[in-house]
Amino acid sequence: LVQPGGSLRLSCAASRRDCSSRTMGWYRQAPGKQR
């Protein structure tokens, strides 16, 4: 939970190293909306 104007740092860990060769993306899904 953060106030407007604030900052957060997200991390994503993959269980296998082969992800390092892939194009990776961040997605988000808001309530009632598509990812």
All heavy atoms as atom14 arrays in JSON, in Angstrom:
{
  "sequence": "LVQPGGSLRLSCAASRRDCSSRTMGWYRQAPGKQR",
  "atom14_mask": [
    [1, 1, 1, 1, 1, 1, 1, 1, 0, 0, 0, 0, 0, 0],
    [1, 1, 1, 1, 1, 1, 1, 0, 0, 0, 0, 0, 0, 0],
    [1, 1, 1, 1, 1, 1, 1, 1, 1, 0, 0, 0, 0, 0],
    [1, 1, 1, 1, 1, 1, 1, 0, 0, 0, 0, 0, 0, 0],
    [1, 1, 1, 1, 0, 0, 0, 0, 0, 0, 0, 0, 0, 0],
    [1, 1, 1, 1, 0, 0, 0, 0, 0, 0, 0, 0, 0, 0],
    [1, 1, 1, 1, 1, 1, 0, 0, 0, 0, 0, 0, 0, 0],
    [1, 1, 1, 1, 1, 1, 1, 1, 0, 0, 0, 0, 0, 0],
    [1, 1, 1, 1, 1, 1, 1, 1, 1, 1, 1, 0, 0, 0],
    [1, 1, 1, 1, 1, 1, 1, 1, 0, 0, 0, 0, 0, 0],
    [1, 1, 1, 1, 1, 1, 0, 0, 0, 0, 0, 0, 0, 0],
    [1, 1, 1, 1, 1, 1, 0, 0, 0, 0, 0, 0, 0, 0],
    [1, 1, 1, 1, 1, 0, 0, 0, 0, 0, 0, 0, 0, 0],
    [1, 1, 1, 1, 1, 0, 0, 0, 0, 0, 0, 0, 0, 0],
    [1, 1, 1, 1, 1, 1, 0, 0, 0, 0, 0, 0, 0, 0],
    [1, 1, 1, 1, 1, 1, 1, 1, 1, 1, 1, 0, 0, 0],
    [1, 1, 1, 1, 1, 1, 1, 1, 1, 1, 1, 0, 0, 0],
    [1, 1, 1, 1, 1, 1, 1, 1, 0, 0, 0, 0, 0, 0],
    [1, 1, 1, 1, 1, 1, 0, 0, 0, 0, 0, 0, 0, 0],
    [1, 1, 1, 1, 1, 1, 0, 0, 0, 0, 0, 0, 0, 0],
    [1, 1, 1, 1, 1, 1, 0, 0, 0, 0, 0, 0, 0, 0],
    [1, 1, 1, 1, 1, 1, 1, 1, 1, 1, 1, 0, 0, 0],
    [1, 1, 1, 1, 1, 1, 1, 0, 0, 0, 0, 0, 0, 0],
    [1, 1, 1, 1, 1, 1, 1, 1, 0, 0, 0, 0, 0, 0],
    [1, 1, 1, 1, 0, 0, 0, 0, 0, 0, 0, 0, 0, 0],
    [1, 1, 1, 1, 1, 1, 1, 1, 1, 1, 1, 1, 1, 1],
    [1, 1, 1, 1, 1, 1, 1, 1, 1, 1, 1, 1, 0, 0],
    [1, 1, 1, 1, 1, 1, 1, 1, 1, 1, 1, 0, 0, 0],
    [1, 1, 1, 1, 1, 1, 1, 1, 1, 0, 0, 0, 0, 0],
    [1, 1, 1, 1, 1, 0, 0, 0, 0, 0, 0, 0, 0, 0],
    [1, 1, 1, 1, 1, 1, 1, 0, 0, 0, 0, 0, 0, 0],
    [1, 1, 1, 1, 0, 0, 0, 0, 0, 0, 0, 0, 0, 0],
    [1, 1, 1, 1, 1, 1, 1, 1, 1, 0, 0, 0, 0, 0],
    [1, 1, 1, 1, 1, 1, 1, 1, 1, 0, 0, 0, 0, 0],
    [1, 1, 1, 1, 1, 1, 1, 1, 1, 1, 1, 0, 0, 0]
  ],
  "atom14_positions": [
    [[0.85, -1.18, 0.0], [0.0, 0.0, 0.0], [0.89, 1.23, 0.0], [1.8, 1.36, 0.83], [-0.89, -0.01, 1.24], [-1.75, 1.23, 1.49], [-2.75, 1.41, 0.36], [-2.45, 1.11, 2.85], [0.0, 0.0, 0.0], [0.0, 0.0, 0.0], [0.0, 0.0, 0.0], [0.0, 0.0, 0.0], [0.0, 0.0, 0.0], [0.0, 0.0, 0.0]],
    [[0.63, 2.14, -0.92], [1.46, 3.34, -1.04], [0.56, 4.52, -1.39], [-0.48, 4.35, -2.03], [2.55, 3.12, -2.1], [1.96, 2.91, -3.47], [3.56, 4.24, -2.1], [0.0, 0.0, 0.0], [0.0, 0.0, 0.0], [0.0, 0.0, 0.0], [0.0, 0.0, 0.0], [0.0, 0.0, 0.0], [0.0, 0.0, 0.0], [0.0, 0.0, 0.0]],
    [[0.98, 5.68, -0.95], [0.22, 6.89, -1.26], [0.52, 7.37, -2.68], [1.59, 7.06, -3.22], [0.56, 7.99, -0.26], [0.09, 7.7, 1.16], [0.34, 8.86, 2.09], [1.2, 9.7, 1.86], [-0.44, 8.93, 3.16], [0.0, 0.0, 0.0], [0.0, 0.0, 0.0], [0.0, 0.0, 0.0], [0.0, 0.0, 0.0], [0.0, 0.0, 0.0]],
    [[-0.38, 8.12, -3.26], [-0.1, 8.69, -4.58], [1.22, 9.47, -4.56], [1.5, 10.2, -3.62], [-1.29, 9.61, -4.82], [-2.39, 9.0, -4.03], [-1.74, 8.45, -2.79], [0.0, 0.0, 0.0], [0.0, 0.0, 0.0], [0.0, 0.0, 0.0], [0.0, 0.0, 0.0], [0.0, 0.0, 0.0], [0.0, 0.0, 0.0], [0.0, 0.0, 0.0]],
    [[2.0, 9.27, -5.61], [3.31, 9.89, -5.69], [4.42, 9.06, -5.1], [5.61, 9.38, -5.27], [0.0, 0.0, 0.0], [0.0, 0.0, 0.0], [0.0, 0.0, 0.0], [0.0, 0.0, 0.0], [0.0, 0.0, 0.0], [0.0, 0.0, 0.0], [0.0, 0.0, 0.0], [0.0, 0.0, 0.0], [0.0, 0.0, 0.0], [0.0, 0.0, 0.0]],
    [[4.07, 7.99, -4.43], [5.07, 7.13, -3.8], [5.74, 6.18, -4.77], [5.49, 6.21, -5.98], [0.0, 0.0, 0.0], [0.0, 0.0, 0.0], [0.0, 0.0, 0.0], [0.0, 0.0, 0.0], [0.0, 0.0, 0.0], [0.0, 0.0, 0.0], [0.0, 0.0, 0.0], [0.0, 0.0, 0.0], [0.0, 0.0, 0.0], [0.0, 0.0, 0.0]],
    [[6.61, 5.36, -4.21], [7.41, 4.43, -5.01], [7.36, 3.03, -4.44], [7.2, 2.85, -3.22], [8.87, 4.89, -5.06], [9.0, 6.17, -5.65], [0.0, 0.0, 0.0], [0.0, 0.0, 0.0], [0.0, 0.0, 0.0], [0.0, 0.0, 0.0], [0.0, 0.0, 0.0], [0.0, 0.0, 0.0], [0.0, 0.0, 0.0], [0.0, 0.0, 0.0]],
    [[7.52, 2.07, -5.31], [7.68, 0.67, -4.93], [8.63, 0.01, -5.9], [8.74, 0.44, -7.06], [6.33, -0.07, -4.97], [5.33, 0.16, -3.84], [4.02, -0.56, -4.17], [5.88, -0.33, -2.51], [0.0, 0.0, 0.0], [0.0, 0.0, 0.0], [0.0, 0.0, 0.0], [0.0, 0.0, 0.0], [0.0, 0.0, 0.0], [0.0, 0.0, 0.0]],
    [[9.28, -1.03, -5.45], [10.15, -1.82, -6.32], [9.68, -3.26, -6.25], [9.7, -3.89, -5.18], [11.6, -1.72, -5.91], [12.56, -2.42, -6.87], [13.99, -2.14, -6.48], [14.96, -2.62, -7.45], [15.72, -3.7, -7.27], [15.63, -4.39, -6.16], [16.59, -4.06, -8.2], [0.0, 0.0, 0.0], [0.0, 0.0, 0.0], [0.0, 0.0, 0.0]],
    [[9.26, -3.78, -7.38], [8.8, -5.16, -7.47], [9.93, -6.04, -7.99], [10.78, -5.58, -8.77], [7.6, -5.27, -8.4], [6.42, -4.36, -8.14], [5.28, -4.7, -9.11], [5.96, -4.45, -6.69], [0.0, 0.0, 0.0], [0.0, 0.0, 0.0], [0.0, 0.0, 0.0], [0.0, 0.0, 0.0], [0.0, 0.0, 0.0], [0.0, 0.0, 0.0]],
    [[9.9, -7.28, -7.58], [10.85, -8.25, -8.1], [10.1, -9.49, -8.56], [9.02, -9.8, -8.07], [11.89, -8.63, -7.05], [11.28, -9.3, -5.97], [0.0, 0.0, 0.0], [0.0, 0.0, 0.0], [0.0, 0.0, 0.0], [0.0, 0.0, 0.0], [0.0, 0.0, 0.0], [0.0, 0.0, 0.0], [0.0, 0.0, 0.0], [0.0, 0.0, 0.0]],
    [[10.69, -10.16, -9.51], [10.12, -11.39, -10.06], [11.25, -12.39, -10.18], [12.24, -12.14, -10.88], [9.51, -11.12, -11.42], [9.08, -12.59, -12.36], [0.0, 0.0, 0.0], [0.0, 0.0, 0.0], [0.0, 0.0, 0.0], [0.0, 0.0, 0.0], [0.0, 0.0, 0.0], [0.0, 0.0, 0.0], [0.0, 0.0, 0.0], [0.0, 0.0, 0.0]],
    [[11.09, -13.51, -9.5], [12.11, -14.56, -9.54], [11.58, -15.75, -10.29], [10.46, -16.2, -10.05], [12.49, -14.95, -8.12], [0.0, 0.0, 0.0], [0.0, 0.0, 0.0], [0.0, 0.0, 0.0], [0.0, 0.0, 0.0], [0.0, 0.0, 0.0], [0.0, 0.0, 0.0], [0.0, 0.0, 0.0], [0.0, 0.0, 0.0], [0.0, 0.0, 0.0]],
    [[12.39, -16.25, -11.2], [12.04, -17.44, -11.97], [12.81, -18.63, -11.41], [13.96, -18.5, -11.0], [12.36, -17.24, -13.44], [0.0, 0.0, 0.0], [0.0, 0.0, 0.0], [0.0, 0.0, 0.0], [0.0, 0.0, 0.0], [0.0, 0.0, 0.0], [0.0, 0.0, 0.0], [0.0, 0.0, 0.0], [0.0, 0.0, 0.0], [0.0, 0.0, 0.0]],
    [[12.17, -19.76, -11.42], [12.77, -20.93, -10.78], [13.82, -21.6, -11.65], [14.54, -22.46, -11.19], [11.69, -21.95, -10.42], [10.99, -22.36, -11.59], [0.0, 0.0, 0.0], [0.0, 0.0, 0.0], [0.0, 0.0, 0.0], [0.0, 0.0, 0.0], [0.0, 0.0, 0.0], [0.0, 0.0, 0.0], [0.0, 0.0, 0.0], [0.0, 0.0, 0.0]],
    [[13.91, -21.2, -12.91], [14.9, -21.78, -13.81], [15.67, -20.7, -14.55], [15.13, -19.66, -14.9], [14.23, -22.71, -14.83], [13.94, -24.07, -14.28], [13.16, -24.97, -15.21], [13.24, -24.68, -16.6], [12.45, -25.26, -17.5], [11.55, -26.14, -17.1], [12.54, -24.96, -18.77], [0.0, 0.0, 0.0], [0.0, 0.0, 0.0], [0.0, 0.0, 0.0]],
    [[16.93, -20.97, -14.79], [17.81, -19.98, -15.4], [17.48, -19.71, -16.87], [17.91, -18.69, -17.4], [19.26, -20.41, -15.27], [19.77, -20.31, -13.85], [21.27, -20.56, -13.78], [21.79, -20.39, -12.44], [22.15, -19.22, -11.95], [22.05, -18.14, -12.68], [22.61, -19.13, -10.71], [0.0, 0.0, 0.0], [0.0, 0.0, 0.0], [0.0, 0.0, 0.0]],
    [[16.72, -20.59, -17.51], [16.5, -20.36, -18.94], [15.65, -19.13, -19.19], [15.53, -18.68, -20.34], [15.91, -21.6, -19.61], [14.64, -22.08, -18.94], [14.19, -21.44, -17.97], [14.1, -23.1, -19.38], [0.0, 0.0, 0.0], [0.0, 0.0, 0.0], [0.0, 0.0, 0.0], [0.0, 0.0, 0.0], [0.0, 0.0, 0.0], [0.0, 0.0, 0.0]],
    [[15.08, -18.56, -18.14], [14.32, -17.32, -18.31], [15.22, -16.17, -18.72], [14.74, -15.18, -19.27], [13.59, -16.97, -17.02], [12.33, -18.15, -16.6], [0.0, 0.0, 0.0], [0.0, 0.0, 0.0], [0.0, 0.0, 0.0], [0.0, 0.0, 0.0], [0.0, 0.0, 0.0], [0.0, 0.0, 0.0], [0.0, 0.0, 0.0], [0.0, 0.0, 0.0]],
    [[16.51, -16.29, -18.45], [17.41, -15.18, -18.75], [17.53, -14.95, -20.25], [17.96, -13.87, -20.67], [18.79, -15.45, -18.14], [19.36, -16.6, -18.72], [0.0, 0.0, 0.0], [0.0, 0.0, 0.0], [0.0, 0.0, 0.0], [0.0, 0.0, 0.0], [0.0, 0.0, 0.0], [0.0, 0.0, 0.0], [0.0, 0.0, 0.0], [0.0, 0.0, 0.0]],
    [[17.15, -15.91, -21.07], [17.25, -15.74, -22.52], [15.93, -15.29, -23.13], [15.85, -15.11, -24.35], [17.68, -17.06, -23.15], [16.68, -18.04, -22.95], [0.0, 0.0, 0.0], [0.0, 0.0, 0.0], [0.0, 0.0, 0.0], [0.0, 0.0, 0.0], [0.0, 0.0, 0.0], [0.0, 0.0, 0.0], [0.0, 0.0, 0.0], [0.0, 0.0, 0.0]],
    [[14.93, -15.1, -22.3], [13.6, -14.76, -22.79], [13.32, -13.28, -22.63], [13.82, -12.62, -21.7], [12.55, -15.54, -22.01], [12.79, -17.05, -21.96], [12.42, -17.71, -23.25], [10.98, -17.7, -23.45], [10.15, -18.62, -22.97], [10.6, -19.6, -22.24], [8.86, -18.55, -23.24], [0.0, 0.0, 0.0], [0.0, 0.0, 0.0], [0.0, 0.0, 0.0]],
    [[12.5, -12.75, -23.51], [11.97, -11.41, -23.29], [10.9, -11.52, -22.21], [9.97, -12.31, -22.33], [11.35, -10.84, -24.58], [12.38, -10.66, -25.54], [10.66, -9.51, -24.3], [0.0, 0.0, 0.0], [0.0, 0.0, 0.0], [0.0, 0.0, 0.0], [0.0, 0.0, 0.0], [0.0, 0.0, 0.0], [0.0, 0.0, 0.0], [0.0, 0.0, 0.0]],
    [[11.09, -10.74, -21.16], [10.19, -10.8, -20.0], [9.38, -9.52, -19.91], [9.83, -8.44, -20.32], [10.98, -11.01, -18.73], [11.73, -12.32, -18.67], [10.66, -13.77, -18.63], [9.92, -13.59, -16.98], [0.0, 0.0, 0.0], [0.0, 0.0, 0.0], [0.0, 0.0, 0.0], [0.0, 0.0, 0.0], [0.0, 0.0, 0.0], [0.0, 0.0, 0.0]],
    [[8.21, -9.65, -19.35], [7.36, -8.47, -19.22], [6.69, -8.4, -17.87], [6.55, -9.4, -17.17], [0.0, 0.0, 0.0], [0.0, 0.0, 0.0], [0.0, 0.0, 0.0], [0.0, 0.0, 0.0], [0.0, 0.0, 0.0], [0.0, 0.0, 0.0], [0.0, 0.0, 0.0], [0.0, 0.0, 0.0], [0.0, 0.0, 0.0], [0.0, 0.0, 0.0]],
    [[6.3, -7.21, -17.53], [5.43, -6.98, -16.37], [4.03, -6.7, -16.89], [3.84, -5.91, -17.84], [5.92, -5.81, -15.54], [7.05, -6.17, -14.63], [8.39, -5.96, -14.84], [6.95, -6.82, -13.36], [9.12, -6.44, -13.78], [8.26, -6.97, -12.86], [5.89, -7.3, -12.58], [8.54, -7.57, -11.62], [6.16, -7.89, -11.37], [7.47, -8.01, -10.9]],
    [[3.08, -7.36, -16.25], [1.69, -7.22, -16.57], [0.96, -6.76, -15.31], [1.44, -6.94, -14.2], [1.09, -8.57, -16.99], [1.73, -9.21, -18.19], [2.98, -9.8, -18.12], [1.04, -9.27, -19.41], [3.56, -10.41, -19.22], [1.6, -9.89, -20.51], [2.86, -10.46, -20.41], [3.42, -11.07, -21.51], [0.0, 0.0, 0.0], [0.0, 0.0, 0.0]],
    [[-0.22, -6.22, -15.5], [-1.03, -5.9, -14.34], [-2.5, -6.09, -14.69], [-2.92, -5.98, -15.84], [-0.78, -4.48, -13.85], [-1.15, -3.38, -14.83], [-0.71, -2.03, -14.27], [-1.04, -0.93, -15.16], [-0.7, 0.33, -14.95], [-0.01, 0.65, -13.86], [-1.05, 1.27, -15.81], [0.0, 0.0, 0.0], [0.0, 0.0, 0.0], [0.0, 0.0, 0.0]],
    [[-3.25, -6.39, -13.64], [-4.68, -6.58, -13.81], [-5.41, -5.82, -12.72], [-5.29, -6.16, -11.54], [-5.06, -8.06, -13.77], [-6.52, -8.31, -14.09], [-6.82, -9.78, -14.33], [-6.05, -10.66, -13.96], [-7.93, -10.05, -14.99], [0.0, 0.0, 0.0], [0.0, 0.0, 0.0], [0.0, 0.0, 0.0], [0.0, 0.0, 0.0], [0.0, 0.0, 0.0]],
    [[-6.11, -4.79, -13.13], [-6.9, -3.99, -12.21], [-8.28, -4.64, -12.05], [-8.71, -5.4, -12.91], [-7.04, -2.57, -12.74], [0.0, 0.0, 0.0], [0.0, 0.0, 0.0], [0.0, 0.0, 0.0], [0.0, 0.0, 0.0], [0.0, 0.0, 0.0], [0.0, 0.0, 0.0], [0.0, 0.0, 0.0], [0.0, 0.0, 0.0], [0.0, 0.0, 0.0]],
    [[-8.95, -4.36, -10.95], [-10.28, -4.94, -10.73], [-11.22, -4.67, -11.89], [-11.35, -3.53, -12.35], [-10.75, -4.24, -9.46], [-9.51, -3.84, -8.75], [-8.52, -3.51, -9.83], [0.0, 0.0, 0.0], [0.0, 0.0, 0.0], [0.0, 0.0, 0.0], [0.0, 0.0, 0.0], [0.0, 0.0, 0.0], [0.0, 0.0, 0.0], [0.0, 0.0, 0.0]],
    [[-11.84, -5.73, -12.4], [-12.8, -5.59, -13.48], [-12.21, -5.37, -14.85], [-12.94, -5.14, -15.81], [0.0, 0.0, 0.0], [0.0, 0.0, 0.0], [0.0, 0.0, 0.0], [0.0, 0.0, 0.0], [0.0, 0.0, 0.0], [0.0, 0.0, 0.0], [0.0, 0.0, 0.0], [0.0, 0.0, 0.0], [0.0, 0.0, 0.0], [0.0, 0.0, 0.0]],
    [[-10.88, -5.46, -14.95], [-10.22, -5.22, -16.24], [-9.39, -6.43, -16.64], [-9.07, -7.28, -15.82], [-9.34, -3.97, -16.17], [-10.12, -2.68, -15.94], [-9.21, -1.48, -16.03], [-9.99, -0.19, -15.86], [-9.12, 1.0, -15.96], [0.0, 0.0, 0.0], [0.0, 0.0, 0.0], [0.0, 0.0, 0.0], [0.0, 0.0, 0.0], [0.0, 0.0, 0.0]],
    [[-9.04, -6.46, -17.91], [-8.19, -7.53, -18.4], [-6.73, -7.28, -18.02], [-6.31, -6.15, -17.8], [-8.3, -7.63, -19.93], [-9.63, -8.16, -20.41], [-9.62, -8.45, -21.9], [-8.88, -7.82, -22.66], [-10.43, -9.4, -22.32], [0.0, 0.0, 0.0], [0.0, 0.0, 0.0], [0.0, 0.0, 0.0], [0.0, 0.0, 0.0], [0.0, 0.0, 0.0]],
    [[-6.0, -8.36, -17.93], [-4.57, -8.25, -17.68], [-3.91, -7.56, -18.88], [-4.21, -7.88, -20.03], [-3.97, -9.63, -17.49], [-2.52, -9.66, -17.06], [-2.11, -11.11, -16.81], [-2.79, -11.68, -15.66], [-2.88, -12.98, -15.44], [-2.37, -13.85, -16.29], [-3.51, -13.42, -14.37], [0.0, 0.0, 0.0], [0.0, 0.0, 0.0], [0.0, 0.0, 0.0]]
  ]
}
